[in-house]
Structures are given as structure tokens and as C-alpha cells.
């Protein structure tokens, strides 16, 4: 982004920031009326949007459906204005409204549901997770996945048995759900205090990353590299051991999918280790026609070879 474009973007955000906060505050009066909330939000987002950002979003994050083109600082300002009303609202209202927002065609409206789910997770975790799963299934772009990942991480920290949510997604046929595994692991260390990060070392984090190494989708590979770099904050010894071990596998098998992730993740390791990994993986490149080699992909092939039940309509929210 050129300095001129950056200056123009900053000026636009500054000019519209107060309007965004006021929009959020006004939406707080409509929480009990999901249809009125959505109508007001559509009108408000249309006023905060700009065509330049809308075009940029279509370029950098295609596939996410319709977008208004509201810049992230303005979306955050709307959330900030809405937050006092969220704190005072019954979880049932938040769940009902979030379910409606998730059905919206516009990406910014769907993602605003996460502001509600952050609040409902504590008092109504089961229905909050139902909605988070819906968002994950509907996600079709990296921005939606990575934004959801932060809330998934919070939910796992609140209820550690929710690790099972990620353990299931490694076998998903959707690359976006598999990316959600890596993105959630990448976000998790930064959801706890620095001094507490090492307690995550006893979780399945590295095992999940290891099971996906060799995935053929670049969107998944990027999230896995991000997760490994973040997990250095949790278990640097474990990350280094995994990278060394898997780099040896990639070298023997000439596995470009695995090599790309490990080469990129090695940037977070000590310089001598970086040099060792680069040398070991020298000349090993990704090929677009190469099949996935991950353990999860192999297990999924076996699972998907079994007779599958015909998918039915989406289940209603549990009461």
C-alpha cells in the first residue's frame, strides 16, 4: 500500500470513527429485534463503507461473499459502541441475534456475530459453539476463518474439553475448516498472559499441527506455519524437535507441501537451526499437482471411503 493510499485510508477512518461508535450504540437498542438490528446495521455499514477498500477486499480475500467495504478500525468502533448493551443483554437475546447475523450475505455482518458470541460463551457455551461451528462451515475466505479463530481459542481456554472441536476439524474436507485448526492454534498463545503460556504445552496443540503437515492447500499451510511460529511462545523445545523431525521426513520423501511449512516456520527458531533446516530442505519445492501427504489426509481418505449418511438440514439451536 503506497503512502498516499495509507494517508487517505487513515483520514477516512478518522473522519468516520465517531459515526461508527454512534452506530454501535444505536444498535444496542435493537438487540431484542434481530430483523430491525440487521436492517439498521446494513444501512449503517453502507454509510461507513468505501469503494476502494471494497475492491481491495475482493482482491485479497475472495470467496467471502458480499462485502460493504468497511475498514477494520471502523468495524471495531461499531463493536465498541455496542459493547455496553451486550454486557447488559441476556444470553438468549445474544444467541438469537447472532444466529440471524450468521445468515447474512454480507461478510461484515456475519463477523459482527463474534462480538456477541464472546459474551454468550460464558453463560451459554453449548449454543455459542453451535453457532461458531456454523460460521466455520460457512467460511470461504481466510479473513473470516482467522477472525473466528480468536473466539474459538477463547472457548477452548474456558472449557479445555473443547479441544475435541479442533481434533475433529483436521479431517474436514473443507480447507477452510482445516485452516481454522492452524489459525486457532496461532491465536491461542496470545489469549493468555505471557507468564502462563507454557501451561499450553500440555495440550494437543503440536499433535494437531503435526497431523496436518503435508496438507496440499496453501491456505492451510500458511496457517500451520503461523501456528508453529506462535507455538514457540509455548514450547520452543517441542517446536524445534517437531520441525527437525518433520524436515527429515520431507527431505526423504521430497515432500514440498511439508517443506514449505517447515521452511517458513523455521524463521522463529534460533539462527543455527534455521540454517540447518534450510540446508536440509534445499531444492524441495511445492508442486500444485502433488497429493496431500498429511496423516490427517490419509485418515480422512479411509473415513470418507466408508458409506456416508446423506446430509440433512442444519439442526436448530438446542434449547
C-alpha atoms as a PDB file:
ATOM      1  CA  UNK A   1       0.000   0.000   0.000  1.00  0.00           C
ATOM      2  CA  UNK A   2       1.510   3.355  -1.031  1.00  0.00           C
ATOM      3  CA  UNK A   3       1.916   6.175   1.472  1.00  0.00           C
ATOM      4  CA  UNK A   4      -0.709   8.190  -0.396  1.00  0.00           C
ATOM      5  CA  UNK A   5      -3.237   5.357  -0.161  1.00  0.00           C
ATOM      6  CA  UNK A   6      -2.373   4.835   3.520  1.00  0.00           C
ATOM      7  CA  UNK A   7      -2.867   8.506   4.293  1.00  0.00           C
ATOM      8  CA  UNK A   8      -6.195   8.501   2.508  1.00  0.00           C
ATOM      9  CA  UNK A   9      -7.304   5.433   4.474  1.00  0.00           C
ATOM     10  CA  UNK A  10      -6.260   6.954   7.812  1.00  0.00           C
ATOM     11  CA  UNK A  11      -8.103  10.173   7.025  1.00  0.00           C
ATOM     12  CA  UNK A  12     -11.266   8.287   6.113  1.00  0.00           C
ATOM     13  CA  UNK A  13     -11.167   6.231   9.323  1.00  0.00           C
ATOM     14  CA  UNK A  14     -10.594   9.337  11.443  1.00  0.00           C
ATOM     15  CA  UNK A  15     -13.460  11.131   9.750  1.00  0.00           C
ATOM     16  CA  UNK A  16     -15.937   8.272  10.292  1.00  0.00           C
ATOM     17  CA  UNK A  17     -14.800   6.863  13.634  1.00  0.00           C
ATOM     18  CA  UNK A  18     -17.323   8.730  15.786  1.00  0.00           C
ATOM     19  CA  UNK A  19     -20.125   7.771  13.401  1.00  0.00           C
ATOM     20  CA  UNK A  20     -19.128   4.123  13.791  1.00  0.00           C
ATOM     21  CA  UNK A  21     -19.238   4.302  17.593  1.00  0.00           C
ATOM     22  CA  UNK A  22     -22.634   6.006  17.453  1.00  0.00           C
ATOM     23  CA  UNK A  23     -23.897   3.306  15.100  1.00  0.00           C
ATOM     24  CA  UNK A  24     -22.866   0.633  17.599  1.00  0.00           C
ATOM     25  CA  UNK A  25     -24.568   2.458  20.462  1.00  0.00           C
ATOM     26  CA  UNK A  26     -27.798   2.816  18.485  1.00  0.00           C
ATOM     27  CA  UNK A  27     -27.735  -0.873  17.590  1.00  0.00           C
ATOM     28  CA  UNK A  28     -27.676  -1.658  21.297  1.00  0.00           C
ATOM     29  CA  UNK A  29     -31.345  -0.651  21.494  1.00  0.00           C
ATOM     30  CA  UNK A  30     -32.271  -3.261  18.854  1.00  0.00           C
ATOM     31  CA  UNK A  31     -30.683  -6.404  20.294  1.00  0.00           C
ATOM     32  CA  UNK A  32     -34.082  -7.930  21.073  1.00  0.00           C
ATOM     33  CA  UNK A  33     -35.253  -7.363  17.472  1.00  0.00           C
ATOM     34  CA  UNK A  34     -32.851  -9.187  15.117  1.00  0.00           C
ATOM     35  CA  UNK A  35     -34.522  -8.077  11.879  1.00  0.00           C
ATOM     36  CA  UNK A  36     -34.516  -4.420  12.886  1.00  0.00           C
ATOM     37  CA  UNK A  37     -30.904  -4.793  14.048  1.00  0.00           C
ATOM     38  CA  UNK A  38     -29.819  -6.207  10.683  1.00  0.00           C
ATOM     39  CA  UNK A  39     -31.676  -3.522   8.725  1.00  0.00           C
ATOM     40  CA  UNK A  40     -30.057  -0.754  10.780  1.00  0.00           C
ATOM     41  CA  UNK A  41     -26.644  -2.408  10.501  1.00  0.00           C
ATOM     42  CA  UNK A  42     -26.929  -2.720   6.723  1.00  0.00           C
ATOM     43  CA  UNK A  43     -27.776   0.956   6.442  1.00  0.00           C
ATOM     44  CA  UNK A  44     -25.016   1.966   8.848  1.00  0.00           C
ATOM     45  CA  UNK A  45     -22.324  -0.160   7.228  1.00  0.00           C
ATOM     46  CA  UNK A  46     -23.281   1.199   3.808  1.00  0.00           C
ATOM     47  CA  UNK A  47     -22.587   4.685   5.143  1.00  0.00           C
ATOM     48  CA  UNK A  48     -19.219   3.685   6.630  1.00  0.00           C
ATOM     49  CA  UNK A  49     -18.008   1.784   3.552  1.00  0.00           C
ATOM     50  CA  UNK A  50     -15.689   2.979   0.818  1.00  0.00           C
ATOM     51  CA  UNK A  51     -15.337   1.621  -2.692  1.00  0.00           C
ATOM     52  CA  UNK A  52     -11.533   1.482  -2.620  1.00  0.00           C
ATOM     53  CA  UNK A  53     -11.482  -0.868   0.358  1.00  0.00           C
ATOM     54  CA  UNK A  54     -14.307  -2.953  -1.091  1.00  0.00           C
ATOM     55  CA  UNK A  55     -12.262  -3.557  -4.235  1.00  0.00           C
ATOM     56  CA  UNK A  56      -9.187  -4.406  -2.176  1.00  0.00           C
ATOM     57  CA  UNK A  57     -11.124  -6.952  -0.105  1.00  0.00           C
ATOM     58  CA  UNK A  58     -12.385  -8.651  -3.252  1.00  0.00           C
ATOM     59  CA  UNK A  59      -8.753  -8.977  -4.360  1.00  0.00           C
ATOM     60  CA  UNK A  60      -7.052 -10.146  -1.139  1.00  0.00           C
ATOM     61  CA  UNK A  61      -9.865 -12.266   0.330  1.00  0.00           C
ATOM     62  CA  UNK A  62     -12.053 -13.554  -2.495  1.00  0.00           C
ATOM     63  CA  UNK A  63     -14.800 -16.035  -1.802  1.00  0.00           C
ATOM     64  CA  UNK A  64     -16.202 -14.429   1.329  1.00  0.00           C
ATOM     65  CA  UNK A  65     -19.460 -13.341  -0.250  1.00  0.00           C
ATOM     66  CA  UNK A  66     -20.742  -9.811  -0.410  1.00  0.00           C
ATOM     67  CA  UNK A  67     -18.777  -7.085   1.356  1.00  0.00           C
ATOM     68  CA  UNK A  68     -19.669  -3.498   2.178  1.00  0.00           C
ATOM     69  CA  UNK A  69     -16.041  -2.428   2.302  1.00  0.00           C
ATOM     70  CA  UNK A  70     -15.972  -1.205   5.919  1.00  0.00           C
ATOM     71  CA  UNK A  71     -12.413  -0.869   7.184  1.00  0.00           C
ATOM     72  CA  UNK A  72     -11.462  -2.954  10.208  1.00  0.00           C
ATOM     73  CA  UNK A  73     -10.925   0.002  12.607  1.00  0.00           C
ATOM     74  CA  UNK A  74     -14.464   1.146  11.831  1.00  0.00           C
ATOM     75  CA  UNK A  75     -15.851  -2.348  12.394  1.00  0.00           C
ATOM     76  CA  UNK A  76     -14.062  -2.388  15.756  1.00  0.00           C
ATOM     77  CA  UNK A  77     -15.526   1.018  16.588  1.00  0.00           C
ATOM     78  CA  UNK A  78     -19.044  -0.281  15.922  1.00  0.00           C
ATOM     79  CA  UNK A  79     -18.325  -3.173  18.291  1.00  0.00           C
ATOM     80  CA  UNK A  80     -17.021  -0.722  20.886  1.00  0.00           C
ATOM     81  CA  UNK A  81     -20.222   1.299  20.756  1.00  0.00           C
ATOM     82  CA  UNK A  82     -22.310  -1.867  21.017  1.00  0.00           C
ATOM     83  CA  UNK A  83     -20.349  -3.429  23.879  1.00  0.00           C
ATOM     84  CA  UNK A  84     -22.189  -1.820  26.849  1.00  0.00           C
ATOM     85  CA  UNK A  85     -25.514  -3.154  25.577  1.00  0.00           C
ATOM     86  CA  UNK A  86     -24.009  -6.615  25.055  1.00  0.00           C
ATOM     87  CA  UNK A  87     -22.879  -6.736  28.680  1.00  0.00           C
ATOM     88  CA  UNK A  88     -26.416  -5.973  29.855  1.00  0.00           C
ATOM     89  CA  UNK A  89     -28.284  -8.320  27.496  1.00  0.00           C
ATOM     90  CA  UNK A  90     -29.499 -11.827  28.404  1.00  0.00           C
ATOM     91  CA  UNK A  91     -27.510 -14.570  26.647  1.00  0.00           C
ATOM     92  CA  UNK A  92     -30.689 -15.817  24.948  1.00  0.00           C
ATOM     93  CA  UNK A  93     -31.035 -12.476  23.141  1.00  0.00           C
ATOM     94  CA  UNK A  94     -27.400 -12.587  22.038  1.00  0.00           C
ATOM     95  CA  UNK A  95     -27.724 -16.142  20.748  1.00  0.00           C
ATOM     96  CA  UNK A  96     -30.879 -15.305  18.790  1.00  0.00           C
ATOM     97  CA  UNK A  97     -29.304 -12.210  17.265  1.00  0.00           C
ATOM     98  CA  UNK A  98     -26.019 -13.971  16.468  1.00  0.00           C
ATOM     99  CA  UNK A  99     -27.924 -16.735  14.668  1.00  0.00           C
ATOM    100  CA  UNK A 100     -29.561 -14.087  12.479  1.00  0.00           C
ATOM    101  CA  UNK A 101     -26.284 -12.282  11.754  1.00  0.00           C
ATOM    102  CA  UNK A 102     -24.643 -15.530  10.668  1.00  0.00           C
ATOM    103  CA  UNK A 103     -27.301 -15.965   7.977  1.00  0.00           C
ATOM    104  CA  UNK A 104     -26.482 -12.585   6.413  1.00  0.00           C
ATOM    105  CA  UNK A 105     -24.945 -12.439   2.959  1.00  0.00           C
ATOM    106  CA  UNK A 106     -22.534  -9.639   3.865  1.00  0.00           C
ATOM    107  CA  UNK A 107     -19.271 -10.736   5.460  1.00  0.00           C
ATOM    108  CA  UNK A 108     -19.008  -7.782   7.852  1.00  0.00           C
ATOM    109  CA  UNK A 109     -22.441  -8.566   9.296  1.00  0.00           C
ATOM    110  CA  UNK A 110     -21.607 -12.245   9.766  1.00  0.00           C
ATOM    111  CA  UNK A 111     -18.378 -11.389  11.543  1.00  0.00           C
ATOM    112  CA  UNK A 112     -20.118  -8.996  13.932  1.00  0.00           C
ATOM    113  CA  UNK A 113     -21.791 -12.095  15.385  1.00  0.00           C
ATOM    114  CA  UNK A 114     -18.442 -12.898  17.008  1.00  0.00           C
ATOM    115  CA  UNK A 115     -18.743  -9.840  19.248  1.00  0.00           C
ATOM    116  CA  UNK A 116     -21.960 -11.359  20.602  1.00  0.00           C
ATOM    117  CA  UNK A 117     -20.521 -14.860  20.932  1.00  0.00           C
ATOM    118  CA  UNK A 118     -17.605 -13.604  23.020  1.00  0.00           C
ATOM    119  CA  UNK A 119     -20.195 -12.561  25.602  1.00  0.00           C
ATOM    120  CA  UNK A 120     -22.517 -15.564  25.321  1.00  0.00           C
ATOM    121  CA  UNK A 121     -19.702 -18.142  25.604  1.00  0.00           C
ATOM    122  CA  UNK A 122     -19.504 -17.868  29.380  1.00  0.00           C
ATOM    123  CA  UNK A 123     -23.192 -18.341  30.170  1.00  0.00           C
ATOM    124  CA  UNK A 124     -24.376 -20.351  27.171  1.00  0.00           C
ATOM    125  CA  UNK A 125     -21.329 -22.172  25.804  1.00  0.00           C
ATOM    126  CA  UNK A 126     -23.152 -25.022  24.081  1.00  0.00           C
ATOM    127  CA  UNK A 127     -25.324 -22.870  21.836  1.00  0.00           C
ATOM    128  CA  UNK A 128     -22.434 -20.453  21.289  1.00  0.00           C
ATOM    129  CA  UNK A 129     -20.331 -23.340  19.982  1.00  0.00           C
ATOM    130  CA  UNK A 130     -23.184 -24.431  17.720  1.00  0.00           C
ATOM    131  CA  UNK A 131     -23.089 -21.010  16.094  1.00  0.00           C
ATOM    132  CA  UNK A 132     -19.299 -20.999  15.887  1.00  0.00           C
ATOM    133  CA  UNK A 133     -19.475 -24.313  14.036  1.00  0.00           C
ATOM    134  CA  UNK A 134     -21.969 -22.780  11.603  1.00  0.00           C
ATOM    135  CA  UNK A 135     -19.597 -19.895  10.968  1.00  0.00           C
ATOM    136  CA  UNK A 136     -16.753 -22.325  10.392  1.00  0.00           C
ATOM    137  CA  UNK A 137     -18.771 -24.363   7.913  1.00  0.00           C
ATOM    138  CA  UNK A 138     -19.835 -21.249   6.041  1.00  0.00           C
ATOM    139  CA  UNK A 139     -16.383 -19.629   5.951  1.00  0.00           C
ATOM    140  CA  UNK A 140     -14.913 -19.382   2.474  1.00  0.00           C
ATOM    141  CA  UNK A 141     -12.092 -16.865   2.907  1.00  0.00           C
ATOM    142  CA  UNK A 142      -9.095 -16.520   5.180  1.00  0.00           C
ATOM    143  CA  UNK A 143     -10.247 -13.319   6.912  1.00  0.00           C
ATOM    144  CA  UNK A 144     -13.450 -14.965   8.143  1.00  0.00           C
ATOM    145  CA  UNK A 145     -11.548 -18.027   9.355  1.00  0.00           C
ATOM    146  CA  UNK A 146      -8.825 -16.104  11.157  1.00  0.00           C
ATOM    147  CA  UNK A 147     -11.325 -13.770  12.843  1.00  0.00           C
ATOM    148  CA  UNK A 148     -13.323 -16.764  14.067  1.00  0.00           C
ATOM    149  CA  UNK A 149     -10.108 -18.395  15.324  1.00  0.00           C
ATOM    150  CA  UNK A 150      -9.717 -15.852  18.114  1.00  0.00           C
ATOM    151  CA  UNK A 151     -13.132 -16.731  19.573  1.00  0.00           C
ATOM    152  CA  UNK A 152     -12.514 -20.465  19.127  1.00  0.00           C
ATOM    153  CA  UNK A 153      -9.351 -20.025  21.177  1.00  0.00           C
ATOM    154  CA  UNK A 154     -11.249 -18.240  23.946  1.00  0.00           C
ATOM    155  CA  UNK A 155     -13.819 -21.026  24.018  1.00  0.00           C
ATOM    156  CA  UNK A 156     -11.106 -23.671  24.349  1.00  0.00           C
ATOM    157  CA  UNK A 157      -9.461 -21.802  27.213  1.00  0.00           C
ATOM    158  CA  UNK A 158     -12.806 -21.604  29.032  1.00  0.00           C
ATOM    159  CA  UNK A 159     -13.571 -25.310  28.533  1.00  0.00           C
ATOM    160  CA  UNK A 160     -10.472 -27.407  27.760  1.00  0.00           C
ATOM    161  CA  UNK A 161     -12.556 -30.372  26.577  1.00  0.00           C
ATOM    162  CA  UNK A 162     -13.361 -28.211  23.541  1.00  0.00           C
ATOM    163  CA  UNK A 163     -10.001 -29.256  22.115  1.00  0.00           C
ATOM    164  CA  UNK A 164     -12.122 -32.016  20.595  1.00  0.00           C
ATOM    165  CA  UNK A 165     -13.606 -29.405  18.253  1.00  0.00           C
ATOM    166  CA  UNK A 166     -10.209 -28.904  16.596  1.00  0.00           C
ATOM    167  CA  UNK A 167      -9.358 -32.594  16.719  1.00  0.00           C
ATOM    168  CA  UNK A 168     -12.384 -33.290  14.512  1.00  0.00           C
ATOM    169  CA  UNK A 169     -11.660 -30.491  12.052  1.00  0.00           C
ATOM    170  CA  UNK A 170      -8.280 -31.884  10.983  1.00  0.00           C
ATOM    171  CA  UNK A 171     -10.251 -34.475   8.971  1.00  0.00           C
ATOM    172  CA  UNK A 172     -12.619 -31.980   7.361  1.00  0.00           C
ATOM    173  CA  UNK A 173     -12.859 -31.960   3.548  1.00  0.00           C
ATOM    174  CA  UNK A 174     -13.072 -28.154   3.777  1.00  0.00           C
ATOM    175  CA  UNK A 175      -9.709 -26.427   3.556  1.00  0.00           C
ATOM    176  CA  UNK A 176     -11.173 -23.524   5.498  1.00  0.00           C
ATOM    177  CA  UNK A 177     -12.124 -25.715   8.455  1.00  0.00           C
ATOM    178  CA  UNK A 178      -8.640 -27.235   8.386  1.00  0.00           C
ATOM    179  CA  UNK A 179      -7.175 -23.738   8.265  1.00  0.00           C
ATOM    180  CA  UNK A 180      -9.257 -22.918  11.343  1.00  0.00           C
ATOM    181  CA  UNK A 181      -7.233 -25.507  13.267  1.00  0.00           C
ATOM    182  CA  UNK A 182      -3.956 -23.762  12.456  1.00  0.00           C
ATOM    183  CA  UNK A 183      -5.323 -20.249  12.941  1.00  0.00           C
ATOM    184  CA  UNK A 184      -6.842 -21.129  16.319  1.00  0.00           C
ATOM    185  CA  UNK A 185      -3.534 -22.594  17.498  1.00  0.00           C
ATOM    186  CA  UNK A 186      -1.738 -19.493  16.256  1.00  0.00           C
ATOM    187  CA  UNK A 187      -4.068 -17.227  18.258  1.00  0.00           C
ATOM    188  CA  UNK A 188      -4.144 -19.269  21.474  1.00  0.00           C
ATOM    189  CA  UNK A 189      -0.769 -18.281  22.979  1.00  0.00           C
ATOM    190  CA  UNK A 190      -1.702 -14.623  22.768  1.00  0.00           C
ATOM    191  CA  UNK A 191      -5.027 -15.139  24.543  1.00  0.00           C
ATOM    192  CA  UNK A 192      -3.206 -15.832  27.835  1.00  0.00           C
ATOM    193  CA  UNK A 193      -0.680 -13.865  29.849  1.00  0.00           C
ATOM    194  CA  UNK A 194       2.932 -14.279  28.766  1.00  0.00           C
ATOM    195  CA  UNK A 195       3.869 -16.000  32.030  1.00  0.00           C
ATOM    196  CA  UNK A 196       1.051 -18.531  31.588  1.00  0.00           C
ATOM    197  CA  UNK A 197       1.767 -19.586  28.007  1.00  0.00           C
ATOM    198  CA  UNK A 198       3.897 -22.570  28.930  1.00  0.00           C
ATOM    199  CA  UNK A 199       0.856 -24.242  30.513  1.00  0.00           C
ATOM    200  CA  UNK A 200      -0.433 -24.770  26.976  1.00  0.00           C
ATOM    201  CA  UNK A 201       2.478 -27.141  26.371  1.00  0.00           C
ATOM    202  CA  UNK A 202       0.440 -29.998  27.816  1.00  0.00           C
ATOM    203  CA  UNK A 203      -2.358 -29.532  25.281  1.00  0.00           C
ATOM    204  CA  UNK A 204      -2.776 -31.297  21.906  1.00  0.00           C
ATOM    205  CA  UNK A 205      -1.530 -28.232  20.003  1.00  0.00           C
ATOM    206  CA  UNK A 206       1.641 -29.666  18.468  1.00  0.00           C
ATOM    207  CA  UNK A 207      -0.028 -33.003  17.787  1.00  0.00           C
ATOM    208  CA  UNK A 208      -2.723 -31.263  15.740  1.00  0.00           C
ATOM    209  CA  UNK A 209      -0.134 -29.310  13.758  1.00  0.00           C
ATOM    210  CA  UNK A 210       1.866 -32.474  13.127  1.00  0.00           C
ATOM    211  CA  UNK A 211      -1.224 -34.318  11.872  1.00  0.00           C
ATOM    212  CA  UNK A 212      -1.845 -31.627   9.234  1.00  0.00           C
ATOM    213  CA  UNK A 213       1.734 -31.242   7.987  1.00  0.00           C
ATOM    214  CA  UNK A 214       1.714 -32.289   4.344  1.00  0.00           C
ATOM    215  CA  UNK A 215      -1.671 -30.698   3.612  1.00  0.00           C
ATOM    216  CA  UNK A 216      -1.747 -29.673  -0.043  1.00  0.00           C
ATOM    217  CA  UNK A 217      -3.743 -26.445   0.385  1.00  0.00           C
ATOM    218  CA  UNK A 218      -1.657 -23.235   0.597  1.00  0.00           C
ATOM    219  CA  UNK A 219      -4.303 -21.642   2.840  1.00  0.00           C
ATOM    220  CA  UNK A 220      -3.822 -24.458   5.352  1.00  0.00           C
ATOM    221  CA  UNK A 221      -0.040 -24.430   5.003  1.00  0.00           C
ATOM    222  CA  UNK A 222       0.137 -20.721   5.837  1.00  0.00           C
ATOM    223  CA  UNK A 223      -1.919 -21.261   8.986  1.00  0.00           C
ATOM    224  CA  UNK A 224       0.283 -24.179  10.075  1.00  0.00           C
ATOM    225  CA  UNK A 225       3.437 -22.128   9.693  1.00  0.00           C
ATOM    226  CA  UNK A 226       1.803 -19.297  11.642  1.00  0.00           C
ATOM    227  CA  UNK A 227       0.791 -21.773  14.349  1.00  0.00           C
ATOM    228  CA  UNK A 228       4.321 -23.163  14.690  1.00  0.00           C
ATOM    229  CA  UNK A 229       5.825 -19.685  14.932  1.00  0.00           C
ATOM    230  CA  UNK A 230       3.280 -18.755  17.612  1.00  0.00           C
ATOM    231  CA  UNK A 231       3.763 -22.027  19.490  1.00  0.00           C
ATOM    232  CA  UNK A 232       7.415 -21.128  20.064  1.00  0.00           C
ATOM    233  CA  UNK A 233       5.954 -18.906  22.809  1.00  0.00           C
ATOM    234  CA  UNK A 234       4.535 -22.045  24.432  1.00  0.00           C
ATOM    235  CA  UNK A 235       7.035 -24.854  23.856  1.00  0.00           C
ATOM    236  CA  UNK A 236      10.179 -23.810  21.976  1.00  0.00           C
ATOM    237  CA  UNK A 237      11.893 -27.145  22.591  1.00  0.00           C
ATOM    238  CA  UNK A 238       8.877 -29.069  21.325  1.00  0.00           C
ATOM    239  CA  UNK A 239       8.545 -26.895  18.216  1.00  0.00           C
ATOM    240  CA  UNK A 240      12.227 -27.272  17.361  1.00  0.00           C
ATOM    241  CA  UNK A 241      12.049 -31.045  17.799  1.00  0.00           C
ATOM    242  CA  UNK A 242       8.955 -31.264  15.591  1.00  0.00           C
ATOM    243  CA  UNK A 243      10.474 -29.086  12.865  1.00  0.00           C
ATOM    244  CA  UNK A 244      13.695 -31.133  12.833  1.00  0.00           C
ATOM    245  CA  UNK A 245      11.813 -34.429  12.769  1.00  0.00           C
ATOM    246  CA  UNK A 246       9.376 -33.422  10.045  1.00  0.00           C
ATOM    247  CA  UNK A 247      12.083 -31.755   7.955  1.00  0.00           C
ATOM    248  CA  UNK A 248      13.887 -35.088   7.859  1.00  0.00           C
ATOM    249  CA  UNK A 249      10.661 -36.713   6.633  1.00  0.00           C
ATOM    250  CA  UNK A 250      10.212 -34.022   3.982  1.00  0.00           C
ATOM    251  CA  UNK A 251      13.788 -34.487   2.774  1.00  0.00           C
ATOM    252  CA  UNK A 252      13.456 -38.267   2.453  1.00  0.00           C
ATOM    253  CA  UNK A 253      10.069 -38.067   0.718  1.00  0.00           C
ATOM    254  CA  UNK A 254      10.798 -34.936  -1.338  1.00  0.00           C
ATOM    255  CA  UNK A 255       7.618 -33.538   0.218  1.00  0.00           C
ATOM    256  CA  UNK A 256       7.188 -29.954  -0.954  1.00  0.00           C
ATOM    257  CA  UNK A 257       3.958 -29.383   0.982  1.00  0.00           C
ATOM    258  CA  UNK A 258       5.628 -30.257   4.272  1.00  0.00           C
ATOM    259  CA  UNK A 259       8.868 -28.486   3.369  1.00  0.00           C
ATOM    260  CA  UNK A 260       7.164 -25.158   2.657  1.00  0.00           C
ATOM    261  CA  UNK A 261       5.586 -25.024   6.118  1.00  0.00           C
ATOM    262  CA  UNK A 262       8.765 -26.048   7.934  1.00  0.00           C
ATOM    263  CA  UNK A 263      10.997 -23.675   5.994  1.00  0.00           C
ATOM    264  CA  UNK A 264       8.649 -20.784   6.748  1.00  0.00           C
ATOM    265  CA  UNK A 265       8.182 -21.731  10.412  1.00  0.00           C
ATOM    266  CA  UNK A 266      11.932 -22.101  10.995  1.00  0.00           C
ATOM    267  CA  UNK A 267      12.205 -18.306  10.919  1.00  0.00           C
ATOM    268  CA  UNK A 268      11.026 -18.338  14.554  1.00  0.00           C
ATOM    269  CA  UNK A 269      13.813 -20.713  15.656  1.00  0.00           C
ATOM    270  CA  UNK A 270      17.441 -19.884  16.551  1.00  0.00           C
ATOM    271  CA  UNK A 271      19.623 -18.895  13.593  1.00  0.00           C
ATOM    272  CA  UNK A 272      21.715 -22.110  13.575  1.00  0.00           C
ATOM    273  CA  UNK A 273      18.532 -24.199  13.433  1.00  0.00           C
ATOM    274  CA  UNK A 274      17.163 -22.031  10.619  1.00  0.00           C
ATOM    275  CA  UNK A 275      20.313 -22.615   8.603  1.00  0.00           C
ATOM    276  CA  UNK A 276      20.190 -26.359   9.257  1.00  0.00           C
ATOM    277  CA  UNK A 277      16.544 -26.618   8.141  1.00  0.00           C
ATOM    278  CA  UNK A 278      17.127 -24.521   5.021  1.00  0.00           C
ATOM    279  CA  UNK A 279      20.049 -26.709   4.026  1.00  0.00           C
ATOM    280  CA  UNK A 280      18.145 -29.932   4.678  1.00  0.00           C
ATOM    281  CA  UNK A 281      15.199 -28.743   2.560  1.00  0.00           C
ATOM    282  CA  UNK A 282      17.231 -27.143  -0.206  1.00  0.00           C
ATOM    283  CA  UNK A 283      15.653 -27.721  -3.606  1.00  0.00           C
ATOM    284  CA  UNK A 284      12.421 -29.245  -2.277  1.00  0.00           C
ATOM    285  CA  UNK A 285       9.522 -27.250  -3.708  1.00  0.00           C
ATOM    286  CA  UNK A 286       5.746 -27.424  -3.697  1.00  0.00           C
ATOM    287  CA  UNK A 287       4.026 -28.826  -6.767  1.00  0.00           C
ATOM    288  CA  UNK A 288       0.432 -27.958  -7.482  1.00  0.00           C
ATOM    289  CA  UNK A 289      -0.356 -31.463  -8.693  1.00  0.00           C
ATOM    290  CA  UNK A 290       1.132 -33.230  -5.653  1.00  0.00           C
ATOM    291  CA  UNK A 291      -1.308 -35.111  -3.441  1.00  0.00           C
ATOM    292  CA  UNK A 292      -1.558 -34.325   0.288  1.00  0.00           C
ATOM    293  CA  UNK A 293       0.759 -36.391   2.461  1.00  0.00           C
ATOM    294  CA  UNK A 294      -0.521 -35.479   5.919  1.00  0.00           C
ATOM    295  CA  UNK A 295      -1.563 -38.101   8.441  1.00  0.00           C
ATOM    296  CA  UNK A 296      -4.943 -36.386   8.682  1.00  0.00           C
ATOM    297  CA  UNK A 297      -5.450 -36.627   4.913  1.00  0.00           C
ATOM    298  CA  UNK A 298      -4.646 -40.333   4.951  1.00  0.00           C
ATOM    299  CA  UNK A 299      -7.078 -40.942   7.815  1.00  0.00           C
ATOM    300  CA  UNK A 300      -9.717 -38.823   6.068  1.00  0.00           C
ATOM    301  CA  UNK A 301      -9.342 -40.889   2.892  1.00  0.00           C
ATOM    302  CA  UNK A 302     -10.118 -44.005   4.903  1.00  0.00           C
ATOM    303  CA  UNK A 303     -13.027 -42.332   6.688  1.00  0.00           C
ATOM    304  CA  UNK A 304     -14.508 -40.877   3.525  1.00  0.00           C
ATOM    305  CA  UNK A 305     -14.308 -44.252   1.849  1.00  0.00           C
ATOM    306  CA  UNK A 306     -16.977 -45.515   4.227  1.00  0.00           C
ATOM    307  CA  UNK A 307     -20.670 -45.164   3.306  1.00  0.00           C
ATOM    308  CA  UNK A 308     -21.717 -41.639   4.263  1.00  0.00           C
ATOM    309  CA  UNK A 309     -25.041 -40.554   5.653  1.00  0.00           C
ATOM    310  CA  UNK A 310     -26.984 -38.188   3.428  1.00  0.00           C
ATOM    311  CA  UNK A 311     -26.559 -34.659   4.848  1.00  0.00           C
ATOM    312  CA  UNK A 312     -29.769 -33.275   6.284  1.00  0.00           C
ATOM    313  CA  UNK A 313     -30.930 -29.759   7.065  1.00  0.00           C
ATOM    314  CA  UNK A 314     -28.987 -27.789   9.641  1.00  0.00           C
ATOM    315  CA  UNK A 315     -30.084 -28.688  13.148  1.00  0.00           C
ATOM    316  CA  UNK A 316     -31.925 -25.988  15.096  1.00  0.00           C
ATOM    317  CA  UNK A 317     -30.222 -24.444  18.094  1.00  0.00           C
ATOM    318  CA  UNK A 318     -30.587 -26.661  21.137  1.00  0.00           C
ATOM    319  CA  UNK A 319     -32.815 -25.371  23.889  1.00  0.00           C
END
